[in-house]
């Protein structure tokens, strides 16, 4: 089972992911956990690291940004870090470069292409 921690402050993200991954959730191949802020994601990651084989994080959020969250995750788990994919509505080169420099495994733009995301998830080592 792939545990995915989805971090986004937009309230419509949860129902969207649950709808798009409905079959995988029912089949027990994917488990989704949601955090509405970088701070909440960090708490989940610290208390239940098994819930974060993959972290999908928005970059622009109030409080702790996705890039700050990424920086912290990469500093505390250098030996076996989770896969981290950054998501943004703004596909600008500066954000992309900064995310990759901080250790992001991928950079996705909104609106998400869920077909492409599922292909990427299928190739993850679990």
PDB file of N, CA and C in Angstrom:
ATOM      1  N   UNK A   1       0.846  -1.188   0.000  1.00  0.00           N
ATOM      2  CA  UNK A   1       0.000   0.000   0.000  1.00  0.00           C
ATOM      3  C   UNK A   1       0.884   1.241   0.000  1.00  0.00           C
ATOM      4  N   UNK A   2       0.520   2.190  -0.832  1.00  0.00           N
ATOM      5  CA  UNK A   2       1.240   3.455  -0.898  1.00  0.00           C
ATOM      6  C   UNK A   2       0.530   4.473  -0.015  1.00  0.00           C
ATOM      7  N   UNK A   3       1.254   5.001   0.975  1.00  0.00           N
ATOM      8  CA  UNK A   3       0.713   6.045   1.846  1.00  0.00           C
ATOM      9  C   UNK A   3       1.110   7.395   1.267  1.00  0.00           C
ATOM     10  N   UNK A   4       0.104   8.227   1.020  1.00  0.00           N
ATOM     11  CA  UNK A   4       0.347   9.548   0.440  1.00  0.00           C
ATOM     12  C   UNK A   4      -0.163  10.617   1.395  1.00  0.00           C
ATOM     13  N   UNK A   5       0.705  11.564   1.706  1.00  0.00           N
ATOM     14  CA  UNK A   5       0.328  12.727   2.506  1.00  0.00           C
ATOM     15  C   UNK A   5       0.159  13.888   1.535  1.00  0.00           C
ATOM     16  N   UNK A   6      -1.076  14.376   1.411  1.00  0.00           N
ATOM     17  CA  UNK A   6      -1.394  15.484   0.517  1.00  0.00           C
ATOM     18  C   UNK A   6      -1.486  16.749   1.367  1.00  0.00           C
ATOM     19  N   UNK A   7      -0.680  17.754   0.998  1.00  0.00           N
ATOM     20  CA  UNK A   7      -0.618  18.994   1.769  1.00  0.00           C
ATOM     21  C   UNK A   7      -1.061  20.155   0.880  1.00  0.00           C
ATOM     22  N   UNK A   8      -2.222  20.737   1.212  1.00  0.00           N
ATOM     23  CA  UNK A   8      -2.743  21.854   0.426  1.00  0.00           C
ATOM     24  C   UNK A   8      -3.777  22.588   1.260  1.00  0.00           C
ATOM     25  N   UNK A   9      -3.755  23.901   1.204  1.00  0.00           N
ATOM     26  CA  UNK A   9      -4.691  24.697   1.998  1.00  0.00           C
ATOM     27  C   UNK A   9      -6.041  24.886   1.307  1.00  0.00           C
ATOM     28  N   UNK A  10      -6.181  24.456   0.057  1.00  0.00           N
ATOM     29  CA  UNK A  10      -7.448  24.590  -0.660  1.00  0.00           C
ATOM     30  C   UNK A  10      -8.430  23.514  -0.183  1.00  0.00           C
ATOM     31  N   UNK A  11      -9.635  23.893   0.265  1.00  0.00           N
ATOM     32  CA  UNK A  11     -10.581  22.910   0.805  1.00  0.00           C
ATOM     33  C   UNK A  11     -11.087  21.894  -0.220  1.00  0.00           C
ATOM     34  N   UNK A  12     -11.045  22.218  -1.511  1.00  0.00           N
ATOM     35  CA  UNK A  12     -11.569  21.287  -2.513  1.00  0.00           C
ATOM     36  C   UNK A  12     -10.579  20.193  -2.912  1.00  0.00           C
ATOM     37  N   UNK A  13      -9.365  20.227  -2.379  1.00  0.00           N
ATOM     38  CA  UNK A  13      -8.350  19.238  -2.729  1.00  0.00           C
ATOM     39  C   UNK A  13      -8.721  17.847  -2.221  1.00  0.00           C
ATOM     40  N   UNK A  14      -9.183  17.765  -0.991  1.00  0.00           N
ATOM     41  CA  UNK A  14      -9.511  16.451  -0.418  1.00  0.00           C
ATOM     42  C   UNK A  14     -10.578  15.709  -1.237  1.00  0.00           C
ATOM     43  N   UNK A  15     -11.757  16.321  -1.478  1.00  0.00           N
ATOM     44  CA  UNK A  15     -12.755  15.585  -2.262  1.00  0.00           C
ATOM     45  C   UNK A  15     -12.272  15.261  -3.682  1.00  0.00           C
ATOM     46  N   UNK A  16     -11.454  16.127  -4.260  1.00  0.00           N
ATOM     47  CA  UNK A  16     -10.930  15.876  -5.600  1.00  0.00           C
ATOM     48  C   UNK A  16     -10.027  14.636  -5.604  1.00  0.00           C
ATOM     49  N   UNK A  17      -9.088  14.551  -4.680  1.00  0.00           N
ATOM     50  CA  UNK A  17      -8.195  13.393  -4.594  1.00  0.00           C
ATOM     51  C   UNK A  17      -8.973  12.121  -4.259  1.00  0.00           C
ATOM     52  N   UNK A  18      -9.921  12.226  -3.336  1.00  0.00           N
ATOM     53  CA  UNK A  18     -10.706  11.046  -2.963  1.00  0.00           C
ATOM     54  C   UNK A  18     -11.528  10.536  -4.146  1.00  0.00           C
ATOM     55  N   UNK A  19     -12.018  11.447  -4.977  1.00  0.00           N
ATOM     56  CA  UNK A  19     -12.787  11.045  -6.146  1.00  0.00           C
ATOM     57  C   UNK A  19     -11.868  10.439  -7.203  1.00  0.00           C
ATOM     58  N   UNK A  20     -10.730  11.073  -7.469  1.00  0.00           N
ATOM     59  CA  UNK A  20      -9.810  10.609  -8.508  1.00  0.00           C
ATOM     60  C   UNK A  20      -9.114   9.291  -8.156  1.00  0.00           C
ATOM     61  N   UNK A  21      -8.969   9.009  -6.853  1.00  0.00           N
ATOM     62  CA  UNK A  21      -8.319   7.779  -6.403  1.00  0.00           C
ATOM     63  C   UNK A  21      -9.314   6.820  -5.748  1.00  0.00           C
ATOM     64  N   UNK A  22     -10.582   6.997  -6.047  1.00  0.00           N
ATOM     65  CA  UNK A  22     -11.653   6.193  -5.459  1.00  0.00           C
ATOM     66  C   UNK A  22     -11.381   4.693  -5.606  1.00  0.00           C
ATOM     67  N   UNK A  23     -11.032   4.252  -6.802  1.00  0.00           N
ATOM     68  CA  UNK A  23     -10.800   2.830  -7.068  1.00  0.00           C
ATOM     69  C   UNK A  23      -9.603   2.311  -6.267  1.00  0.00           C
ATOM     70  N   UNK A  24      -8.523   3.074  -6.223  1.00  0.00           N
ATOM     71  CA  UNK A  24      -7.318   2.661  -5.507  1.00  0.00           C
ATOM     72  C   UNK A  24      -7.539   2.639  -3.992  1.00  0.00           C
ATOM     73  N   UNK A  25      -8.323   3.577  -3.486  1.00  0.00           N
ATOM     74  CA  UNK A  25      -8.632   3.613  -2.051  1.00  0.00           C
ATOM     75  C   UNK A  25      -9.473   2.385  -1.684  1.00  0.00           C
ATOM     76  N   UNK A  26     -10.514   2.112  -2.471  1.00  0.00           N
ATOM     77  CA  UNK A  26     -11.354   0.940  -2.220  1.00  0.00           C
ATOM     78  C   UNK A  26     -10.564  -0.359  -2.325  1.00  0.00           C
ATOM     79  N   UNK A  27      -9.636  -0.405  -3.284  1.00  0.00           N
ATOM     80  CA  UNK A  27      -8.833  -1.603  -3.495  1.00  0.00           C
ATOM     81  C   UNK A  27      -7.698  -1.770  -2.498  1.00  0.00           C
ATOM     82  N   UNK A  28      -7.493  -0.761  -1.655  1.00  0.00           N
ATOM     83  CA  UNK A  28      -6.463  -0.852  -0.629  1.00  0.00           C
ATOM     84  C   UNK A  28      -5.043  -0.663  -1.140  1.00  0.00           C
ATOM     85  N   UNK A  29      -4.887  -0.103  -2.341  1.00  0.00           N
ATOM     86  CA  UNK A  29      -3.530   0.109  -2.856  1.00  0.00           C
ATOM     87  C   UNK A  29      -2.984   1.483  -2.505  1.00  0.00           C
ATOM     88  N   UNK A  30      -3.889   2.405  -2.155  1.00  0.00           N
ATOM     89  CA  UNK A  30      -3.475   3.764  -1.777  1.00  0.00           C
ATOM     90  C   UNK A  30      -4.222   4.191  -0.522  1.00  0.00           C
ATOM     91  N   UNK A  31      -3.485   4.815   0.377  1.00  0.00           N
ATOM     92  CA  UNK A  31      -4.080   5.419   1.572  1.00  0.00           C
ATOM     93  C   UNK A  31      -3.717   6.903   1.542  1.00  0.00           C
ATOM     94  N   UNK A  32      -4.719   7.774   1.614  1.00  0.00           N
ATOM     95  CA  UNK A  32      -4.493   9.220   1.584  1.00  0.00           C
ATOM     96  C   UNK A  32      -4.670   9.820   2.975  1.00  0.00           C
ATOM     97  N   UNK A  33      -3.728  10.661   3.354  1.00  0.00           N
ATOM     98  CA  UNK A  33      -3.839  11.471   4.560  1.00  0.00           C
ATOM     99  C   UNK A  33      -3.735  12.914   4.092  1.00  0.00           C
ATOM    100  N   UNK A  34      -4.514  13.801   4.695  1.00  0.00           N
ATOM    101  CA  UNK A  34      -4.544  15.193   4.252  1.00  0.00           C
ATOM    102  C   UNK A  34      -4.107  16.142   5.363  1.00  0.00           C
ATOM    103  N   UNK A  35      -3.378  17.176   4.956  1.00  0.00           N
ATOM    104  CA  UNK A  35      -2.986  18.253   5.866  1.00  0.00           C
ATOM    105  C   UNK A  35      -3.290  19.561   5.151  1.00  0.00           C
ATOM    106  N   UNK A  36      -3.824  20.520   5.881  1.00  0.00           N
ATOM    107  CA  UNK A  36      -4.187  21.790   5.254  1.00  0.00           C
ATOM    108  C   UNK A  36      -3.125  22.870   5.432  1.00  0.00           C
ATOM    109  N   UNK A  37      -1.990  22.500   6.041  1.00  0.00           N
ATOM    110  CA  UNK A  37      -0.895  23.462   6.211  1.00  0.00           C
ATOM    111  C   UNK A  37       0.425  22.707   6.331  1.00  0.00           C
ATOM    112  N   UNK A  38       1.504  23.438   6.116  1.00  0.00           N
ATOM    113  CA  UNK A  38       2.828  22.847   6.294  1.00  0.00           C
ATOM    114  C   UNK A  38       3.049  22.405   7.723  1.00  0.00           C
ATOM    115  N   UNK A  39       2.553  23.184   8.667  1.00  0.00           N
ATOM    116  CA  UNK A  39       2.711  22.846  10.079  1.00  0.00           C
ATOM    117  C   UNK A  39       1.979  21.547  10.420  1.00  0.00           C
ATOM    118  N   UNK A  40       0.759  21.405   9.930  1.00  0.00           N
ATOM    119  CA  UNK A  40      -0.012  20.186  10.187  1.00  0.00           C
ATOM    120  C   UNK A  40       0.682  18.981   9.541  1.00  0.00           C
ATOM    121  N   UNK A  41       1.201  19.157   8.329  1.00  0.00           N
ATOM    122  CA  UNK A  41       1.915  18.079   7.638  1.00  0.00           C
ATOM    123  C   UNK A  41       3.145  17.654   8.421  1.00  0.00           C
ATOM    124  N   UNK A  42       3.856  18.618   8.970  1.00  0.00           N
ATOM    125  CA  UNK A  42       5.055  18.312   9.750  1.00  0.00           C
ATOM    126  C   UNK A  42       4.701  17.507  10.998  1.00  0.00           C
ATOM    127  N   UNK A  43       3.592  17.850  11.640  1.00  0.00           N
ATOM    128  CA  UNK A  43       3.127  17.096  12.805  1.00  0.00           C
ATOM    129  C   UNK A  43       2.800  15.659  12.412  1.00  0.00           C
ATOM    130  N   UNK A  44       2.061  15.482  11.328  1.00  0.00           N
ATOM    131  CA  UNK A  44       1.715  14.136  10.859  1.00  0.00           C
ATOM    132  C   UNK A  44       2.986  13.371  10.513  1.00  0.00           C
ATOM    133  N   UNK A  45       3.884  14.004   9.796  1.00  0.00           N
ATOM    134  CA  UNK A  45       5.120  13.358   9.371  1.00  0.00           C
ATOM    135  C   UNK A  45       5.964  12.936  10.578  1.00  0.00           C
ATOM    136  N   UNK A  46       6.012  13.771  11.602  1.00  0.00           N
ATOM    137  CA  UNK A  46       6.796  13.479  12.795  1.00  0.00           C
ATOM    138  C   UNK A  46       6.156  12.374  13.627  1.00  0.00           C
ATOM    139  N   UNK A  47       4.839  12.453  13.807  1.00  0.00           N
ATOM    140  CA  UNK A  47       4.143  11.481  14.660  1.00  0.00           C
ATOM    141  C   UNK A  47       3.883  10.143  13.966  1.00  0.00           C
ATOM    142  N   UNK A  48       3.647  10.186  12.652  1.00  0.00           N
ATOM    143  CA  UNK A  48       3.315   8.958  11.904  1.00  0.00           C
ATOM    144  C   UNK A  48       4.071   8.930  10.581  1.00  0.00           C
ATOM    145  N   UNK A  49       5.376   8.736  10.629  1.00  0.00           N
ATOM    146  CA  UNK A  49       6.160   8.785   9.391  1.00  0.00           C
ATOM    147  C   UNK A  49       5.735   7.748   8.356  1.00  0.00           C
ATOM    148  N   UNK A  50       5.108   6.664   8.799  1.00  0.00           N
ATOM    149  CA  UNK A  50       4.640   5.640   7.864  1.00  0.00           C
ATOM    150  C   UNK A  50       3.522   6.160   6.968  1.00  0.00           C
ATOM    151  N   UNK A  51       2.904   7.273   7.341  1.00  0.00           N
ATOM    152  CA  UNK A  51       1.822   7.850   6.541  1.00  0.00           C
ATOM    153  C   UNK A  51       2.362   8.739   5.426  1.00  0.00           C
ATOM    154  N   UNK A  52       3.668   8.713   5.229  1.00  0.00           N
ATOM    155  CA  UNK A  52       4.256   9.610   4.235  1.00  0.00           C
ATOM    156  C   UNK A  52       5.333   8.920   3.413  1.00  0.00           C
ATOM    157  N   UNK A  53       4.943   7.882   2.673  1.00  0.00           N
ATOM    158  CA  UNK A  53       5.858   7.290   1.711  1.00  0.00           C
ATOM    159  C   UNK A  53       6.044   8.300   0.575  1.00  0.00           C
ATOM    160  N   UNK A  54       4.972   9.009   0.282  1.00  0.00           N
ATOM    161  CA  UNK A  54       4.991  10.060  -0.730  1.00  0.00           C
ATOM    162  C   UNK A  54       4.307  11.289  -0.149  1.00  0.00           C
ATOM    163  N   UNK A  55       4.929  12.430  -0.340  1.00  0.00           N
ATOM    164  CA  UNK A  55       4.319  13.690   0.084  1.00  0.00           C
ATOM    165  C   UNK A  55       4.072  14.521  -1.166  1.00  0.00           C
ATOM    166  N   UNK A  56       2.817  14.929  -1.362  1.00  0.00           N
ATOM    167  CA  UNK A  56       2.435  15.842  -2.437  1.00  0.00           C
ATOM    168  C   UNK A  56       2.104  17.159  -1.755  1.00  0.00           C
ATOM    169  N   UNK A  57       2.928  18.175  -1.968  1.00  0.00           N
ATOM    170  CA  UNK A  57       2.725  19.427  -1.243  1.00  0.00           C
ATOM    171  C   UNK A  57       2.610  20.619  -2.166  1.00  0.00           C
ATOM    172  N   UNK A  58       1.594  21.419  -1.901  1.00  0.00           N
ATOM    173  CA  UNK A  58       1.462  22.707  -2.558  1.00  0.00           C
ATOM    174  C   UNK A  58       2.629  23.575  -2.096  1.00  0.00           C
ATOM    175  N   UNK A  59       3.070  24.483  -2.933  1.00  0.00           N
ATOM    176  CA  UNK A  59       4.164  25.379  -2.540  1.00  0.00           C
ATOM    177  C   UNK A  59       3.627  26.582  -1.781  1.00  0.00           C
ATOM    178  N   UNK A  60       2.601  27.228  -2.337  1.00  0.00           N
ATOM    179  CA  UNK A  60       2.102  28.474  -1.760  1.00  0.00           C
ATOM    180  C   UNK A  60       0.974  28.225  -0.772  1.00  0.00           C
ATOM    181  N   UNK A  61       1.329  28.310   0.516  1.00  0.00           N
ATOM    182  CA  UNK A  61       0.343  28.154   1.588  1.00  0.00           C
ATOM    183  C   UNK A  61       0.646  29.205   2.648  1.00  0.00           C
ATOM    184  N   UNK A  62      -0.389  29.633   3.390  1.00  0.00           N
ATOM    185  CA  UNK A  62      -0.129  30.549   4.494  1.00  0.00           C
ATOM    186  C   UNK A  62       0.694  29.844   5.575  1.00  0.00           C
ATOM    187  N   UNK A  63       1.462  30.601   6.319  1.00  0.00           N
ATOM    188  CA  UNK A  63       2.317  29.992   7.338  1.00  0.00           C
ATOM    189  C   UNK A  63       3.510  29.339   6.674  1.00  0.00           C
ATOM    190  N   UNK A  64       3.770  28.087   7.022  1.00  0.00           N
ATOM    191  CA  UNK A  64       4.896  27.361   6.457  1.00  0.00           C
ATOM    192  C   UNK A  64       4.605  26.996   4.996  1.00  0.00           C
ATOM    193  N   UNK A  65       5.447  27.454   4.103  1.00  0.00           N
ATOM    194  CA  UNK A  65       5.260  27.140   2.684  1.00  0.00           C
ATOM    195  C   UNK A  65       5.668  25.694   2.407  1.00  0.00           C
ATOM    196  N   UNK A  66       5.282  25.211   1.255  1.00  0.00           N
ATOM    197  CA  UNK A  66       5.680  23.871   0.856  1.00  0.00           C
ATOM    198  C   UNK A  66       7.189  23.727   0.744  1.00  0.00           C
ATOM    199  N   UNK A  67       7.859  24.800   0.315  1.00  0.00           N
ATOM    200  CA  UNK A  67       9.320  24.752   0.212  1.00  0.00           C
ATOM    201  C   UNK A  67       9.969  24.664   1.595  1.00  0.00           C
ATOM    202  N   UNK A  68       9.401  25.371   2.569  1.00  0.00           N
ATOM    203  CA  UNK A  68       9.923  25.266   3.941  1.00  0.00           C
ATOM    204  C   UNK A  68       9.688  23.868   4.496  1.00  0.00           C
ATOM    205  N   UNK A  69       8.529  23.296   4.199  1.00  0.00           N
ATOM    206  CA  UNK A  69       8.230  21.934   4.624  1.00  0.00           C
ATOM    207  C   UNK A  69       9.234  20.964   3.999  1.00  0.00           C
ATOM    208  N   UNK A  70       9.481  21.111   2.720  1.00  0.00           N
ATOM    209  CA  UNK A  70      10.451  20.267   2.012  1.00  0.00           C
ATOM    210  C   UNK A  70      11.836  20.387   2.642  1.00  0.00           C
ATOM    211  N   UNK A  71      12.260  21.596   2.916  1.00  0.00           N
ATOM    212  CA  UNK A  71      13.573  21.826   3.531  1.00  0.00           C
ATOM    213  C   UNK A  71      13.668  21.081   4.866  1.00  0.00           C
ATOM    214  N   UNK A  72      12.620  21.158   5.663  1.00  0.00           N
ATOM    215  CA  UNK A  72      12.637  20.498   6.972  1.00  0.00           C
ATOM    216  C   UNK A  72      12.656  18.976   6.819  1.00  0.00           C
ATOM    217  N   UNK A  73      11.823  18.445   5.953  1.00  0.00           N
ATOM    218  CA  UNK A  73      11.767  16.991   5.750  1.00  0.00           C
ATOM    219  C   UNK A  73      13.115  16.464   5.289  1.00  0.00           C
ATOM    220  N   UNK A  74      13.742  17.156   4.366  1.00  0.00           N
ATOM    221  CA  UNK A  74      15.035  16.704   3.858  1.00  0.00           C
ATOM    222  C   UNK A  74      16.135  16.827   4.918  1.00  0.00           C
ATOM    223  N   UNK A  75      15.970  17.733   5.875  1.00  0.00           N
ATOM    224  CA  UNK A  75      16.997  17.872   6.918  1.00  0.00           C
ATOM    225  C   UNK A  75      16.862  16.813   8.009  1.00  0.00           C
ATOM    226  N   UNK A  76      15.643  16.327   8.256  1.00  0.00           N
ATOM    227  CA  UNK A  76      15.446  15.351   9.335  1.00  0.00           C
ATOM    228  C   UNK A  76      15.459  13.899   8.870  1.00  0.00           C
ATOM    229  N   UNK A  77      15.333  13.661   7.577  1.00  0.00           N
ATOM    230  CA  UNK A  77      15.334  12.281   7.080  1.00  0.00           C
ATOM    231  C   UNK A  77      16.302  12.118   5.918  1.00  0.00           C
ATOM    232  N   UNK A  78      17.583  12.370   6.135  1.00  0.00           N
ATOM    233  CA  UNK A  78      18.515  12.262   5.015  1.00  0.00           C
ATOM    234  C   UNK A  78      18.774  10.823   4.554  1.00  0.00           C
ATOM    235  N   UNK A  79      18.609   9.831   5.455  1.00  0.00           N
ATOM    236  CA  UNK A  79      18.937   8.446   5.090  1.00  0.00           C
ATOM    237  C   UNK A  79      17.836   7.775   4.287  1.00  0.00           C
ATOM    238  N   UNK A  80      16.600   7.948   4.667  1.00  0.00           N
ATOM    239  CA  UNK A  80      15.490   7.348   3.932  1.00  0.00           C
ATOM    240  C   UNK A  80      14.367   8.375   3.802  1.00  0.00           C
ATOM    241  N   UNK A  81      14.616   9.359   2.997  1.00  0.00           N
ATOM    242  CA  UNK A  81      13.587  10.393   2.859  1.00  0.00           C
ATOM    243  C   UNK A  81      12.407   9.896   2.030  1.00  0.00           C
ATOM    244  N   UNK A  82      11.202  10.391   2.314  1.00  0.00           N
ATOM    245  CA  UNK A  82      10.070  10.034   1.463  1.00  0.00           C
ATOM    246  C   UNK A  82      10.212  10.728   0.107  1.00  0.00           C
ATOM    247  N   UNK A  83       9.490  10.240  -0.867  1.00  0.00           N
ATOM    248  CA  UNK A  83       9.410  10.911  -2.162  1.00  0.00           C
ATOM    249  C   UNK A  83       8.570  12.170  -1.938  1.00  0.00           C
ATOM    250  N   UNK A  84       9.063  13.306  -2.423  1.00  0.00           N
ATOM    251  CA  UNK A  84       8.330  14.567  -2.268  1.00  0.00           C
ATOM    252  C   UNK A  84       8.116  15.179  -3.646  1.00  0.00           C
ATOM    253  N   UNK A  85       6.849  15.402  -3.969  1.00  0.00           N
ATOM    254  CA  UNK A  85       6.488  16.078  -5.218  1.00  0.00           C
ATOM    255  C   UNK A  85       5.833  17.398  -4.849  1.00  0.00           C
ATOM    256  N   UNK A  86       6.356  18.465  -5.407  1.00  0.00           N
ATOM    257  CA  UNK A  86       5.819  19.791  -5.137  1.00  0.00           C
ATOM    258  C   UNK A  86       4.762  20.133  -6.189  1.00  0.00           C
ATOM    259  N   UNK A  87       3.715  20.822  -5.740  1.00  0.00           N
ATOM    260  CA  UNK A  87       2.608  21.194  -6.619  1.00  0.00           C
ATOM    261  C   UNK A  87       2.433  22.708  -6.556  1.00  0.00           C
ATOM    262  N   UNK A  88       2.256  23.327  -7.707  1.00  0.00           N
ATOM    263  CA  UNK A  88       2.016  24.764  -7.712  1.00  0.00           C
ATOM    264  C   UNK A  88       1.124  25.168  -8.872  1.00  0.00           C
ATOM    265  N   UNK A  89       0.393  26.237  -8.663  1.00  0.00           N
ATOM    266  CA  UNK A  89      -0.425  26.804  -9.737  1.00  0.00           C
ATOM    267  C   UNK A  89       0.443  27.693 -10.621  1.00  0.00           C
ATOM    268  N   UNK A  90       1.629  28.008 -10.124  1.00  0.00           N
ATOM    269  CA  UNK A  90       2.532  28.898 -10.847  1.00  0.00           C
ATOM    270  C   UNK A  90       3.758  28.090 -11.260  1.00  0.00           C
ATOM    271  N   UNK A  91       3.850  27.750 -12.542  1.00  0.00           N
ATOM    272  CA  UNK A  91       4.961  26.927 -13.009  1.00  0.00           C
ATOM    273  C   UNK A  91       6.196  27.737 -13.340  1.00  0.00           C
ATOM    274  N   UNK A  92       6.542  28.682 -12.480  1.00  0.00           N
ATOM    275  CA  UNK A  92       7.683  29.544 -12.783  1.00  0.00           C
ATOM    276  C   UNK A  92       9.004  28.825 -12.516  1.00  0.00           C
ATOM    277  N   UNK A  93      10.015  29.223 -13.264  1.00  0.00           N
ATOM    278  CA  UNK A  93      11.332  28.582 -13.181  1.00  0.00           C
ATOM    279  C   UNK A  93      11.987  28.734 -11.810  1.00  0.00           C
ATOM    280  N   UNK A  94      11.799  29.880 -11.145  1.00  0.00           N
ATOM    281  CA  UNK A  94      12.424  30.085  -9.834  1.00  0.00           C
ATOM    282  C   UNK A  94      11.914  29.068  -8.819  1.00  0.00           C
ATOM    283  N   UNK A  95      10.598  28.873  -8.774  1.00  0.00           N
ATOM    284  CA  UNK A  95      10.025  27.901  -7.838  1.00  0.00           C
ATOM    285  C   UNK A  95      10.493  26.488  -8.182  1.00  0.00           C
ATOM    286  N   UNK A  96      10.526  26.180  -9.470  1.00  0.00           N
ATOM    287  CA  UNK A  96      10.964  24.860  -9.909  1.00  0.00           C
ATOM    288  C   UNK A  96      12.414  24.613  -9.484  1.00  0.00           C
ATOM    289  N   UNK A  97      13.279  25.576  -9.763  1.00  0.00           N
ATOM    290  CA  UNK A  97      14.700  25.432  -9.414  1.00  0.00           C
ATOM    291  C   UNK A  97      14.877  25.307  -7.907  1.00  0.00           C
ATOM    292  N   UNK A  98      14.196  26.150  -7.149  1.00  0.00           N
ATOM    293  CA  UNK A  98      14.314  26.112  -5.694  1.00  0.00           C
ATOM    294  C   UNK A  98      13.832  24.768  -5.145  1.00  0.00           C
ATOM    295  N   UNK A  99      12.715  24.271  -5.647  1.00  0.00           N
ATOM    296  CA  UNK A  99      12.181  22.989  -5.186  1.00  0.00           C
ATOM    297  C   UNK A  99      13.170  21.860  -5.483  1.00  0.00           C
ATOM    298  N   UNK A 100      13.717  21.843  -6.677  1.00  0.00           N
ATOM    299  CA  UNK A 100      14.646  20.783  -7.051  1.00  0.00           C
ATOM    300  C   UNK A 100      15.955  20.894  -6.253  1.00  0.00           C
ATOM    301  N   UNK A 101      16.411  22.121  -6.031  1.00  0.00           N
ATOM    302  CA  UNK A 101      17.631  22.336  -5.226  1.00  0.00           C
ATOM    303  C   UNK A 101      17.441  21.854  -3.786  1.00  0.00           C
ATOM    304  N   UNK A 102      16.214  21.956  -3.273  1.00  0.00           N
ATOM    305  CA  UNK A 102      15.928  21.525  -1.904  1.00  0.00           C
ATOM    306  C   UNK A 102      15.687  20.017  -1.798  1.00  0.00           C
ATOM    307  N   UNK A 103      15.672  19.342  -2.929  1.00  0.00           N
ATOM    308  CA  UNK A 103      15.541  17.890  -2.895  1.00  0.00           C
ATOM    309  C   UNK A 103      14.193  17.337  -3.303  1.00  0.00           C
ATOM    310  N   UNK A 104      13.377  18.138  -3.983  1.00  0.00           N
ATOM    311  CA  UNK A 104      12.097  17.613  -4.477  1.00  0.00           C
ATOM    312  C   UNK A 104      12.374  16.545  -5.530  1.00  0.00           C
ATOM    313  N   UNK A 105      11.531  15.534  -5.554  1.00  0.00           N
ATOM    314  CA  UNK A 105      11.675  14.474  -6.547  1.00  0.00           C
ATOM    315  C   UNK A 105      10.947  14.798  -7.847  1.00  0.00           C
ATOM    316  N   UNK A 106       9.970  15.692  -7.763  1.00  0.00           N
ATOM    317  CA  UNK A 106       9.221  16.067  -8.956  1.00  0.00           C
ATOM    318  C   UNK A 106       8.531  17.392  -8.693  1.00  0.00           C
ATOM    319  N   UNK A 107       8.079  18.028  -9.765  1.00  0.00           N
ATOM    320  CA  UNK A 107       7.443  19.339  -9.693  1.00  0.00           C
ATOM    321  C   UNK A 107       6.227  19.282 -10.605  1.00  0.00           C
ATOM    322  N   UNK A 108       5.037  19.422 -10.035  1.00  0.00           N
ATOM    323  CA  UNK A 108       3.786  19.314 -10.793  1.00  0.00           C
ATOM    324  C   UNK A 108       3.062  20.656 -10.788  1.00  0.00           C
ATOM    325  N   UNK A 109       2.338  20.925 -11.868  1.00  0.00           N
ATOM    326  CA  UNK A 109       1.573  22.170 -11.924  1.00  0.00           C
ATOM    327  C   UNK A 109       0.081  21.876 -11.895  1.00  0.00           C
ATOM    328  N   UNK A 110      -0.654  22.819 -11.313  1.00  0.00           N
ATOM    329  CA  UNK A 110      -2.114  22.738 -11.255  1.00  0.00           C
ATOM    330  C   UNK A 110      -2.674  23.307 -12.554  1.00  0.00           C
ATOM    331  N   UNK A 111      -3.774  22.805 -13.045  1.00  0.00           N
ATOM    332  CA  UNK A 111      -4.510  21.666 -12.512  1.00  0.00           C
ATOM    333  C   UNK A 111      -3.720  20.378 -12.743  1.00  0.00           C
ATOM    334  N   UNK A 112      -3.770  19.496 -11.752  1.00  0.00           N
ATOM    335  CA  UNK A 112      -3.034  18.245 -11.830  1.00  0.00           C
ATOM    336  C   UNK A 112      -3.572  17.336 -12.927  1.00  0.00           C
ATOM    337  N   UNK A 113      -2.661  16.696 -13.615  1.00  0.00           N
ATOM    338  CA  UNK A 113      -3.018  15.661 -14.575  1.00  0.00           C
ATOM    339  C   UNK A 113      -2.992  14.349 -13.787  1.00  0.00           C
ATOM    340  N   UNK A 114      -4.160  13.875 -13.356  1.00  0.00           N
ATOM    341  CA  UNK A 114      -4.219  12.696 -12.495  1.00  0.00           C
ATOM    342  C   UNK A 114      -3.791  11.419 -13.215  1.00  0.00           C
ATOM    343  N   UNK A 115      -3.978  11.365 -14.525  1.00  0.00           N
ATOM    344  CA  UNK A 115      -3.501  10.208 -15.279  1.00  0.00           C
ATOM    345  C   UNK A 115      -1.980  10.145 -15.196  1.00  0.00           C
ATOM    346  N   UNK A 116      -1.322  11.269 -15.403  1.00  0.00           N
ATOM    347  CA  UNK A 116       0.140  11.343 -15.307  1.00  0.00           C
ATOM    348  C   UNK A 116       0.606  11.045 -13.879  1.00  0.00           C
ATOM    349  N   UNK A 117      -0.105  11.577 -12.900  1.00  0.00           N
ATOM    350  CA  UNK A 117       0.257  11.337 -11.496  1.00  0.00           C
ATOM    351  C   UNK A 117       0.159   9.847 -11.170  1.00  0.00           C
ATOM    352  N   UNK A 118      -0.871   9.179 -11.639  1.00  0.00           N
ATOM    353  CA  UNK A 118      -1.018   7.742 -11.377  1.00  0.00           C
ATOM    354  C   UNK A 118       0.119   6.945 -12.016  1.00  0.00           C
ATOM    355  N   UNK A 119       0.577   7.354 -13.179  1.00  0.00           N
ATOM    356  CA  UNK A 119       1.716   6.688 -13.833  1.00  0.00           C
ATOM    357  C   UNK A 119       2.965   6.871 -12.961  1.00  0.00           C
ATOM    358  N   UNK A 120       3.165   8.083 -12.457  1.00  0.00           N
ATOM    359  CA  UNK A 120       4.322   8.355 -11.593  1.00  0.00           C
ATOM    360  C   UNK A 120       4.242   7.523 -10.304  1.00  0.00           C
ATOM    361  N   UNK A 121       3.053   7.419  -9.733  1.00  0.00           N
ATOM    362  CA  UNK A 121       2.877   6.651  -8.504  1.00  0.00           C
ATOM    363  C   UNK A 121       3.160   5.175  -8.731  1.00  0.00           C
ATOM    364  N   UNK A 122       2.769   4.672  -9.881  1.00  0.00           N
ATOM    365  CA  UNK A 122       2.979   3.252 -10.189  1.00  0.00           C
ATOM    366  C   UNK A 122       4.464   2.914 -10.290  1.00  0.00           C
ATOM    367  N   UNK A 123       5.278   3.910 -10.596  1.00  0.00           N
ATOM    368  CA  UNK A 123       6.715   3.645 -10.749  1.00  0.00           C
ATOM    369  C   UNK A 123       7.506   3.834  -9.447  1.00  0.00           C
ATOM    370  N   UNK A 124       6.812   4.223  -8.385  1.00  0.00           N
ATOM    371  CA  UNK A 124       7.498   4.438  -7.100  1.00  0.00           C
ATOM    372  C   UNK A 124       7.897   3.106  -6.458  1.00  0.00           C
ATOM    373  N   UNK A 125       9.091   3.074  -5.846  1.00  0.00           N
ATOM    374  CA  UNK A 125       9.443   1.893  -5.069  1.00  0.00           C
ATOM    375  C   UNK A 125       8.655   1.918  -3.767  1.00  0.00           C
ATOM    376  N   UNK A 126       7.925   0.851  -3.495  1.00  0.00           N
ATOM    377  CA  UNK A 126       7.099   0.817  -2.269  1.00  0.00           C
ATOM    378  C   UNK A 126       7.659  -0.178  -1.294  1.00  0.00           C
TER     379      UNK A 126
END
